[in-house]
């Protein structure tokens, strides 16, 4: 759907494409892309994600406490089994 990229690497979309594929454009912007909206080939608007507020330290600690315990020896064995030993 978005097939044009400008000199800055931003994606471009026409107003018609934005109207027809607005959800896809917003999904792309939410993932961090910047999208320039054009009318008759002329840039008229730029879409970018709204910055998220930083997470509180208490939230980060709560998430960290919910992480699964990792057995380092089992992890090492799994990595060795998955990788070619000749590398």
PDB file of N, CA and C in Angstrom:
ATOM      1  N   UNK A   1       0.818  -1.180   0.000  1.00  0.00           N
ATOM      2  CA  UNK A   1       0.000   0.000   0.000  1.00  0.00           C
ATOM      3  C   UNK A   1       0.867   1.251   0.000  1.00  0.00           C
ATOM      4  N   UNK A   2       1.738   1.437   0.996  1.00  0.00           N
ATOM      5  CA  UNK A   2       2.662   2.573   0.972  1.00  0.00           C
ATOM      6  C   UNK A   2       3.872   2.148   0.150  1.00  0.00           C
ATOM      7  N   UNK A   3       4.017   2.739  -0.993  1.00  0.00           N
ATOM      8  CA  UNK A   3       5.047   2.268  -1.913  1.00  0.00           C
ATOM      9  C   UNK A   3       6.081   3.327  -2.253  1.00  0.00           C
ATOM     10  N   UNK A   4       5.916   4.530  -1.756  1.00  0.00           N
ATOM     11  CA  UNK A   4       6.837   5.601  -2.096  1.00  0.00           C
ATOM     12  C   UNK A   4       7.608   6.023  -0.849  1.00  0.00           C
ATOM     13  N   UNK A   5       8.911   6.164  -0.989  1.00  0.00           N
ATOM     14  CA  UNK A   5       9.761   6.591   0.119  1.00  0.00           C
ATOM     15  C   UNK A   5      10.510   7.834  -0.328  1.00  0.00           C
ATOM     16  N   UNK A   6      10.509   8.890   0.510  1.00  0.00           N
ATOM     17  CA  UNK A   6      11.182  10.127   0.121  1.00  0.00           C
ATOM     18  C   UNK A   6      12.670  10.083   0.442  1.00  0.00           C
ATOM     19  N   UNK A   7      13.355  11.208   0.189  1.00  0.00           N
ATOM     20  CA  UNK A   7      14.812  11.247   0.351  1.00  0.00           C
ATOM     21  C   UNK A   7      15.259  11.078   1.794  1.00  0.00           C
ATOM     22  N   UNK A   8      14.381  11.327   2.782  1.00  0.00           N
ATOM     23  CA  UNK A   8      14.729  11.128   4.189  1.00  0.00           C
ATOM     24  C   UNK A   8      14.453   9.709   4.654  1.00  0.00           C
ATOM     25  N   UNK A   9      13.865   8.892   3.785  1.00  0.00           N
ATOM     26  CA  UNK A   9      13.515   7.533   4.167  1.00  0.00           C
ATOM     27  C   UNK A   9      12.121   7.422   4.739  1.00  0.00           C
ATOM     28  N   UNK A  10      11.377   8.542   4.770  1.00  0.00           N
ATOM     29  CA  UNK A  10       9.999   8.516   5.251  1.00  0.00           C
ATOM     30  C   UNK A  10       9.093   7.940   4.172  1.00  0.00           C
ATOM     31  N   UNK A  11       8.034   7.304   4.594  1.00  0.00           N
ATOM     32  CA  UNK A  11       7.076   6.734   3.659  1.00  0.00           C
ATOM     33  C   UNK A  11       6.073   7.808   3.266  1.00  0.00           C
ATOM     34  N   UNK A  12       5.594   7.723   2.027  1.00  0.00           N
ATOM     35  CA  UNK A  12       4.608   8.675   1.545  1.00  0.00           C
ATOM     36  C   UNK A  12       3.326   7.950   1.187  1.00  0.00           C
ATOM     37  N   UNK A  13       2.205   8.636   1.384  1.00  0.00           N
ATOM     38  CA  UNK A  13       0.908   8.093   1.051  1.00  0.00           C
ATOM     39  C   UNK A  13       0.053   9.244   0.526  1.00  0.00           C
ATOM     40  N   UNK A  14      -0.759   8.968  -0.490  1.00  0.00           N
ATOM     41  CA  UNK A  14      -1.662   9.996  -0.997  1.00  0.00           C
ATOM     42  C   UNK A  14      -2.869  10.098  -0.068  1.00  0.00           C
ATOM     43  N   UNK A  15      -3.599  11.191  -0.190  1.00  0.00           N
ATOM     44  CA  UNK A  15      -4.807  11.352   0.619  1.00  0.00           C
ATOM     45  C   UNK A  15      -5.789  10.227   0.323  1.00  0.00           C
ATOM     46  N   UNK A  16      -5.900   9.838  -0.918  1.00  0.00           N
ATOM     47  CA  UNK A  16      -6.815   8.741  -1.288  1.00  0.00           C
ATOM     48  C   UNK A  16      -6.396   7.439  -0.625  1.00  0.00           C
ATOM     49  N   UNK A  17      -5.085   7.140  -0.630  1.00  0.00           N
ATOM     50  CA  UNK A  17      -4.594   5.923   0.033  1.00  0.00           C
ATOM     51  C   UNK A  17      -4.824   5.991   1.540  1.00  0.00           C
ATOM     52  N   UNK A  18      -4.651   7.184   2.119  1.00  0.00           N
ATOM     53  CA  UNK A  18      -4.893   7.345   3.551  1.00  0.00           C
ATOM     54  C   UNK A  18      -6.355   7.068   3.879  1.00  0.00           C
ATOM     55  N   UNK A  19      -7.246   7.563   3.043  1.00  0.00           N
ATOM     56  CA  UNK A  19      -8.677   7.346   3.272  1.00  0.00           C
ATOM     57  C   UNK A  19      -9.028   5.860   3.131  1.00  0.00           C
ATOM     58  N   UNK A  20      -8.451   5.207   2.152  1.00  0.00           N
ATOM     59  CA  UNK A  20      -8.773   3.794   1.885  1.00  0.00           C
ATOM     60  C   UNK A  20      -8.079   2.830   2.832  1.00  0.00           C
ATOM     61  N   UNK A  21      -6.896   3.184   3.314  1.00  0.00           N
ATOM     62  CA  UNK A  21      -6.075   2.266   4.122  1.00  0.00           C
ATOM     63  C   UNK A  21      -5.619   2.926   5.416  1.00  0.00           C
ATOM     64  N   UNK A  22      -6.498   3.748   6.006  1.00  0.00           N
ATOM     65  CA  UNK A  22      -6.123   4.509   7.199  1.00  0.00           C
ATOM     66  C   UNK A  22      -5.623   3.648   8.340  1.00  0.00           C
ATOM     67  N   UNK A  23      -6.257   2.500   8.558  1.00  0.00           N
ATOM     68  CA  UNK A  23      -5.826   1.624   9.649  1.00  0.00           C
ATOM     69  C   UNK A  23      -4.415   1.122   9.454  1.00  0.00           C
ATOM     70  N   UNK A  24      -4.082   0.739   8.223  1.00  0.00           N
ATOM     71  CA  UNK A  24      -2.723   0.263   7.935  1.00  0.00           C
ATOM     72  C   UNK A  24      -1.698   1.378   8.125  1.00  0.00           C
ATOM     73  N   UNK A  25      -2.063   2.591   7.708  1.00  0.00           N
ATOM     74  CA  UNK A  25      -1.148   3.728   7.861  1.00  0.00           C
ATOM     75  C   UNK A  25      -0.914   4.008   9.342  1.00  0.00           C
ATOM     76  N   UNK A  26      -1.977   4.017  10.134  1.00  0.00           N
ATOM     77  CA  UNK A  26      -1.838   4.279  11.569  1.00  0.00           C
ATOM     78  C   UNK A  26      -1.027   3.175  12.241  1.00  0.00           C
ATOM     79  N   UNK A  27      -1.228   1.923  11.830  1.00  0.00           N
ATOM     80  CA  UNK A  27      -0.420   0.826  12.385  1.00  0.00           C
ATOM     81  C   UNK A  27       1.060   1.054  12.104  1.00  0.00           C
ATOM     82  N   UNK A  28       1.368   1.476  10.890  1.00  0.00           N
ATOM     83  CA  UNK A  28       2.763   1.722  10.511  1.00  0.00           C
ATOM     84  C   UNK A  28       3.349   2.860  11.353  1.00  0.00           C
ATOM     85  N   UNK A  29       2.575   3.923  11.541  1.00  0.00           N
ATOM     86  CA  UNK A  29       3.034   5.059  12.340  1.00  0.00           C
ATOM     87  C   UNK A  29       3.231   4.635  13.791  1.00  0.00           C
ATOM     88  N   UNK A  30       2.303   3.835  14.312  1.00  0.00           N
ATOM     89  CA  UNK A  30       2.414   3.373  15.696  1.00  0.00           C
ATOM     90  C   UNK A  30       3.669   2.535  15.908  1.00  0.00           C
ATOM     91  N   UNK A  31       4.147   1.859  14.850  1.00  0.00           N
ATOM     92  CA  UNK A  31       5.383   1.066  14.954  1.00  0.00           C
ATOM     93  C   UNK A  31       6.632   1.938  14.863  1.00  0.00           C
ATOM     94  N   UNK A  32       6.446   3.243  14.631  1.00  0.00           N
ATOM     95  CA  UNK A  32       7.602   4.141  14.639  1.00  0.00           C
ATOM     96  C   UNK A  32       7.934   4.790  13.320  1.00  0.00           C
ATOM     97  N   UNK A  33       7.243   4.426  12.252  1.00  0.00           N
ATOM     98  CA  UNK A  33       7.512   5.054  10.955  1.00  0.00           C
ATOM     99  C   UNK A  33       6.910   6.455  10.924  1.00  0.00           C
ATOM    100  N   UNK A  34       7.480   7.297  10.098  1.00  0.00           N
ATOM    101  CA  UNK A  34       6.894   8.596   9.794  1.00  0.00           C
ATOM    102  C   UNK A  34       6.296   8.492   8.406  1.00  0.00           C
ATOM    103  N   UNK A  35       5.080   8.970   8.247  1.00  0.00           N
ATOM    104  CA  UNK A  35       4.394   8.898   6.964  1.00  0.00           C
ATOM    105  C   UNK A  35       4.046  10.321   6.529  1.00  0.00           C
ATOM    106  N   UNK A  36       4.425  10.673   5.306  1.00  0.00           N
ATOM    107  CA  UNK A  36       4.095  11.960   4.733  1.00  0.00           C
ATOM    108  C   UNK A  36       2.873  11.787   3.849  1.00  0.00           C
ATOM    109  N   UNK A  37       1.875  12.632   4.046  1.00  0.00           N
ATOM    110  CA  UNK A  37       0.655  12.602   3.236  1.00  0.00           C
ATOM    111  C   UNK A  37       0.829  13.619   2.114  1.00  0.00           C
ATOM    112  N   UNK A  38       0.528  13.198   0.885  1.00  0.00           N
ATOM    113  CA  UNK A  38       0.687  14.080  -0.264  1.00  0.00           C
ATOM    114  C   UNK A  38      -0.654  14.322  -0.952  1.00  0.00           C
ATOM    115  N   UNK A  39      -0.764  15.502  -1.574  1.00  0.00           N
ATOM    116  CA  UNK A  39      -1.909  15.844  -2.410  1.00  0.00           C
ATOM    117  C   UNK A  39      -1.327  16.318  -3.738  1.00  0.00           C
ATOM    118  N   UNK A  40      -1.675  15.609  -4.806  1.00  0.00           N
ATOM    119  CA  UNK A  40      -1.158  15.924  -6.148  1.00  0.00           C
ATOM    120  C   UNK A  40       0.372  15.944  -6.144  1.00  0.00           C
ATOM    121  N   UNK A  41       0.964  15.028  -5.368  1.00  0.00           N
ATOM    122  CA  UNK A  41       2.414  14.907  -5.326  1.00  0.00           C
ATOM    123  C   UNK A  41       3.120  15.894  -4.418  1.00  0.00           C
ATOM    124  N   UNK A  42       2.379  16.769  -3.768  1.00  0.00           N
ATOM    125  CA  UNK A  42       2.966  17.780  -2.883  1.00  0.00           C
ATOM    126  C   UNK A  42       2.707  17.380  -1.430  1.00  0.00           C
ATOM    127  N   UNK A  43       3.752  17.316  -0.596  1.00  0.00           N
ATOM    128  CA  UNK A  43       3.550  16.971   0.815  1.00  0.00           C
ATOM    129  C   UNK A  43       2.662  17.999   1.503  1.00  0.00           C
ATOM    130  N   UNK A  44       1.635  17.529   2.233  1.00  0.00           N
ATOM    131  CA  UNK A  44       0.726  18.431   2.938  1.00  0.00           C
ATOM    132  C   UNK A  44       0.654  18.135   4.437  1.00  0.00           C
ATOM    133  N   UNK A  45       1.086  16.951   4.865  1.00  0.00           N
ATOM    134  CA  UNK A  45       1.028  16.603   6.284  1.00  0.00           C
ATOM    135  C   UNK A  45       2.034  15.506   6.570  1.00  0.00           C
ATOM    136  N   UNK A  46       2.390  15.407   7.840  1.00  0.00           N
ATOM    137  CA  UNK A  46       3.319  14.371   8.268  1.00  0.00           C
ATOM    138  C   UNK A  46       2.738  13.700   9.501  1.00  0.00           C
ATOM    139  N   UNK A  47       2.685  12.377   9.488  1.00  0.00           N
ATOM    140  CA  UNK A  47       2.158  11.623  10.621  1.00  0.00           C
ATOM    141  C   UNK A  47       3.306  10.941  11.354  1.00  0.00           C
ATOM    142  N   UNK A  48       3.309  11.067  12.668  1.00  0.00           N
ATOM    143  CA  UNK A  48       4.302  10.388  13.492  1.00  0.00           C
ATOM    144  C   UNK A  48       3.641   9.990  14.799  1.00  0.00           C
ATOM    145  N   UNK A  49       4.211   9.019  15.473  1.00  0.00           N
ATOM    146  CA  UNK A  49       3.634   8.503  16.704  1.00  0.00           C
ATOM    147  C   UNK A  49       3.717   9.543  17.817  1.00  0.00           C
ATOM    148  N   UNK A  50       2.726   9.522  18.678  1.00  0.00           N
ATOM    149  CA  UNK A  50       2.730  10.368  19.868  1.00  0.00           C
ATOM    150  C   UNK A  50       3.656   9.706  20.883  1.00  0.00           C
ATOM    151  N   UNK A  51       4.593  10.453  21.460  1.00  0.00           N
ATOM    152  CA  UNK A  51       5.516   9.843  22.425  1.00  0.00           C
ATOM    153  C   UNK A  51       4.757   9.272  23.617  1.00  0.00           C
ATOM    154  N   UNK A  52       5.189   8.110  24.048  1.00  0.00           N
ATOM    155  CA  UNK A  52       4.597   7.479  25.221  1.00  0.00           C
ATOM    156  C   UNK A  52       5.269   8.013  26.477  1.00  0.00           C
ATOM    157  N   UNK A  53       4.498   8.166  27.547  1.00  0.00           N
ATOM    158  CA  UNK A  53       5.130   8.612  28.791  1.00  0.00           C
ATOM    159  C   UNK A  53       6.061   7.521  29.319  1.00  0.00           C
ATOM    160  N   UNK A  54       7.141   7.904  29.980  1.00  0.00           N
ATOM    161  CA  UNK A  54       8.060   6.892  30.513  1.00  0.00           C
ATOM    162  C   UNK A  54       7.377   6.050  31.594  1.00  0.00           C
ATOM    163  N   UNK A  55       7.818   4.814  31.706  1.00  0.00           N
ATOM    164  CA  UNK A  55       7.271   3.921  32.731  1.00  0.00           C
ATOM    165  C   UNK A  55       7.864   4.265  34.099  1.00  0.00           C
ATOM    166  N   UNK A  56       7.040   4.146  35.100  1.00  0.00           N
ATOM    167  CA  UNK A  56       7.499   4.372  36.474  1.00  0.00           C
ATOM    168  C   UNK A  56       8.416   3.229  36.892  1.00  0.00           C
ATOM    169  N   UNK A  57       9.329   3.516  37.788  1.00  0.00           N
ATOM    170  CA  UNK A  57      10.256   2.493  38.275  1.00  0.00           C
ATOM    171  C   UNK A  57       9.503   1.325  38.902  1.00  0.00           C
ATOM    172  N   UNK A  58       8.416   1.610  39.586  1.00  0.00           N
ATOM    173  CA  UNK A  58       7.646   0.532  40.215  1.00  0.00           C
ATOM    174  C   UNK A  58       7.048  -0.409  39.165  1.00  0.00           C
ATOM    175  N   UNK A  59       6.632   0.132  38.040  1.00  0.00           N
ATOM    176  CA  UNK A  59       6.098  -0.693  36.962  1.00  0.00           C
ATOM    177  C   UNK A  59       7.191  -1.574  36.370  1.00  0.00           C
ATOM    178  N   UNK A  60       8.360  -0.989  36.157  1.00  0.00           N
ATOM    179  CA  UNK A  60       9.481  -1.764  35.611  1.00  0.00           C
ATOM    180  C   UNK A  60       9.880  -2.886  36.567  1.00  0.00           C
ATOM    181  N   UNK A  61       9.926  -2.593  37.855  1.00  0.00           N
ATOM    182  CA  UNK A  61      10.281  -3.623  38.831  1.00  0.00           C
ATOM    183  C   UNK A  61       9.234  -4.731  38.871  1.00  0.00           C
ATOM    184  N   UNK A  62       7.961  -4.371  38.792  1.00  0.00           N
ATOM    185  CA  UNK A  62       6.896  -5.379  38.797  1.00  0.00           C
ATOM    186  C   UNK A  62       7.015  -6.286  37.571  1.00  0.00           C
ATOM    187  N   UNK A  63       7.318  -5.703  36.416  1.00  0.00           N
ATOM    188  CA  UNK A  63       7.501  -6.512  35.208  1.00  0.00           C
ATOM    189  C   UNK A  63       8.721  -7.413  35.344  1.00  0.00           C
ATOM    190  N   UNK A  64       9.797  -6.874  35.908  1.00  0.00           N
ATOM    191  CA  UNK A  64      11.022  -7.650  36.069  1.00  0.00           C
ATOM    192  C   UNK A  64      10.780  -8.849  36.979  1.00  0.00           C
ATOM    193  N   UNK A  65       9.994  -8.651  38.021  1.00  0.00           N
ATOM    194  CA  UNK A  65       9.706  -9.743  38.968  1.00  0.00           C
ATOM    195  C   UNK A  65       8.870 -10.851  38.330  1.00  0.00           C
ATOM    196  N   UNK A  66       8.122 -10.535  37.278  1.00  0.00           N
ATOM    197  CA  UNK A  66       7.292 -11.540  36.612  1.00  0.00           C
ATOM    198  C   UNK A  66       8.050 -12.316  35.530  1.00  0.00           C
ATOM    199  N   UNK A  67       9.282 -11.927  35.247  1.00  0.00           N
ATOM    200  CA  UNK A  67      10.059 -12.648  34.226  1.00  0.00           C
ATOM    201  C   UNK A  67      10.353 -14.068  34.701  1.00  0.00           C
ATOM    202  N   UNK A  68      10.364 -15.008  33.772  1.00  0.00           N
ATOM    203  CA  UNK A  68      10.661 -16.382  34.187  1.00  0.00           C
ATOM    204  C   UNK A  68      12.128 -16.524  34.597  1.00  0.00           C
ATOM    205  N   UNK A  69      12.368 -17.468  35.485  1.00  0.00           N
ATOM    206  CA  UNK A  69      13.732 -17.764  35.910  1.00  0.00           C
ATOM    207  C   UNK A  69      14.420 -18.517  34.768  1.00  0.00           C
ATOM    208  N   UNK A  70      15.625 -18.115  34.449  1.00  0.00           N
ATOM    209  CA  UNK A  70      16.375 -18.744  33.361  1.00  0.00           C
ATOM    210  C   UNK A  70      17.524 -19.545  33.959  1.00  0.00           C
ATOM    211  N   UNK A  71      17.580 -20.813  33.579  1.00  0.00           N
ATOM    212  CA  UNK A  71      18.688 -21.670  33.993  1.00  0.00           C
ATOM    213  C   UNK A  71      19.821 -21.448  32.988  1.00  0.00           C
ATOM    214  N   UNK A  72      20.923 -20.813  33.402  1.00  0.00           N
ATOM    215  CA  UNK A  72      21.981 -20.479  32.447  1.00  0.00           C
ATOM    216  C   UNK A  72      22.590 -21.704  31.763  1.00  0.00           C
ATOM    217  N   UNK A  73      22.713 -22.810  32.478  1.00  0.00           N
ATOM    218  CA  UNK A  73      23.293 -24.014  31.864  1.00  0.00           C
ATOM    219  C   UNK A  73      22.365 -24.597  30.815  1.00  0.00           C
ATOM    220  N   UNK A  74      21.063 -24.608  31.081  1.00  0.00           N
ATOM    221  CA  UNK A  74      20.105 -25.106  30.106  1.00  0.00           C
ATOM    222  C   UNK A  74      20.061 -24.188  28.881  1.00  0.00           C
ATOM    223  N   UNK A  75      20.133 -22.872  29.116  1.00  0.00           N
ATOM    224  CA  UNK A  75      20.165 -21.921  28.000  1.00  0.00           C
ATOM    225  C   UNK A  75      21.388 -22.162  27.129  1.00  0.00           C
ATOM    226  N   UNK A  76      22.533 -22.328  27.759  1.00  0.00           N
ATOM    227  CA  UNK A  76      23.776 -22.576  27.021  1.00  0.00           C
ATOM    228  C   UNK A  76      23.663 -23.863  26.212  1.00  0.00           C
ATOM    229  N   UNK A  77      23.109 -24.901  26.802  1.00  0.00           N
ATOM    230  CA  UNK A  77      22.940 -26.169  26.097  1.00  0.00           C
ATOM    231  C   UNK A  77      21.987 -26.012  24.911  1.00  0.00           C
ATOM    232  N   UNK A  78      20.908 -25.257  25.096  1.00  0.00           N
ATOM    233  CA  UNK A  78      19.966 -25.024  24.002  1.00  0.00           C
ATOM    234  C   UNK A  78      20.622 -24.268  22.857  1.00  0.00           C
ATOM    235  N   UNK A  79      21.425 -23.269  23.192  1.00  0.00           N
ATOM    236  CA  UNK A  79      22.118 -22.492  22.161  1.00  0.00           C
ATOM    237  C   UNK A  79      23.112 -23.381  21.421  1.00  0.00           C
ATOM    238  N   UNK A  80      23.863 -24.175  22.160  1.00  0.00           N
ATOM    239  CA  UNK A  80      24.815 -25.094  21.528  1.00  0.00           C
ATOM    240  C   UNK A  80      24.109 -26.079  20.604  1.00  0.00           C
ATOM    241  N   UNK A  81      22.936 -26.550  20.997  1.00  0.00           N
ATOM    242  CA  UNK A  81      22.191 -27.502  20.176  1.00  0.00           C
ATOM    243  C   UNK A  81      21.660 -26.842  18.907  1.00  0.00           C
ATOM    244  N   UNK A  82      21.349 -25.546  18.980  1.00  0.00           N
ATOM    245  CA  UNK A  82      20.766 -24.854  17.834  1.00  0.00           C
ATOM    246  C   UNK A  82      21.813 -24.356  16.844  1.00  0.00           C
ATOM    247  N   UNK A  83      23.019 -24.063  17.328  1.00  0.00           N
ATOM    248  CA  UNK A  83      24.056 -23.498  16.469  1.00  0.00           C
ATOM    249  C   UNK A  83      24.973 -24.582  15.920  1.00  0.00           C
ATOM    250  N   UNK A  84      25.499 -24.314  14.768  1.00  0.00           N
ATOM    251  CA  UNK A  84      26.482 -25.205  14.156  1.00  0.00           C
ATOM    252  C   UNK A  84      27.794 -25.049  14.927  1.00  0.00           C
ATOM    253  N   UNK A  85      28.327 -26.128  15.516  1.00  0.00           N
ATOM    254  CA  UNK A  85      29.535 -26.008  16.330  1.00  0.00           C
ATOM    255  C   UNK A  85      30.760 -25.560  15.535  1.00  0.00           C
ATOM    256  N   UNK A  86      30.717 -25.636  14.212  1.00  0.00           N
ATOM    257  CA  UNK A  86      31.873 -25.229  13.419  1.00  0.00           C
ATOM    258  C   UNK A  86      31.956 -23.726  13.244  1.00  0.00           C
ATOM    259  N   UNK A  87      30.953 -22.994  13.723  1.00  0.00           N
ATOM    260  CA  UNK A  87      30.965 -21.526  13.553  1.00  0.00           C
ATOM    261  C   UNK A  87      31.931 -20.871  14.471  1.00  0.00           C
TER     262      UNK A  87
END
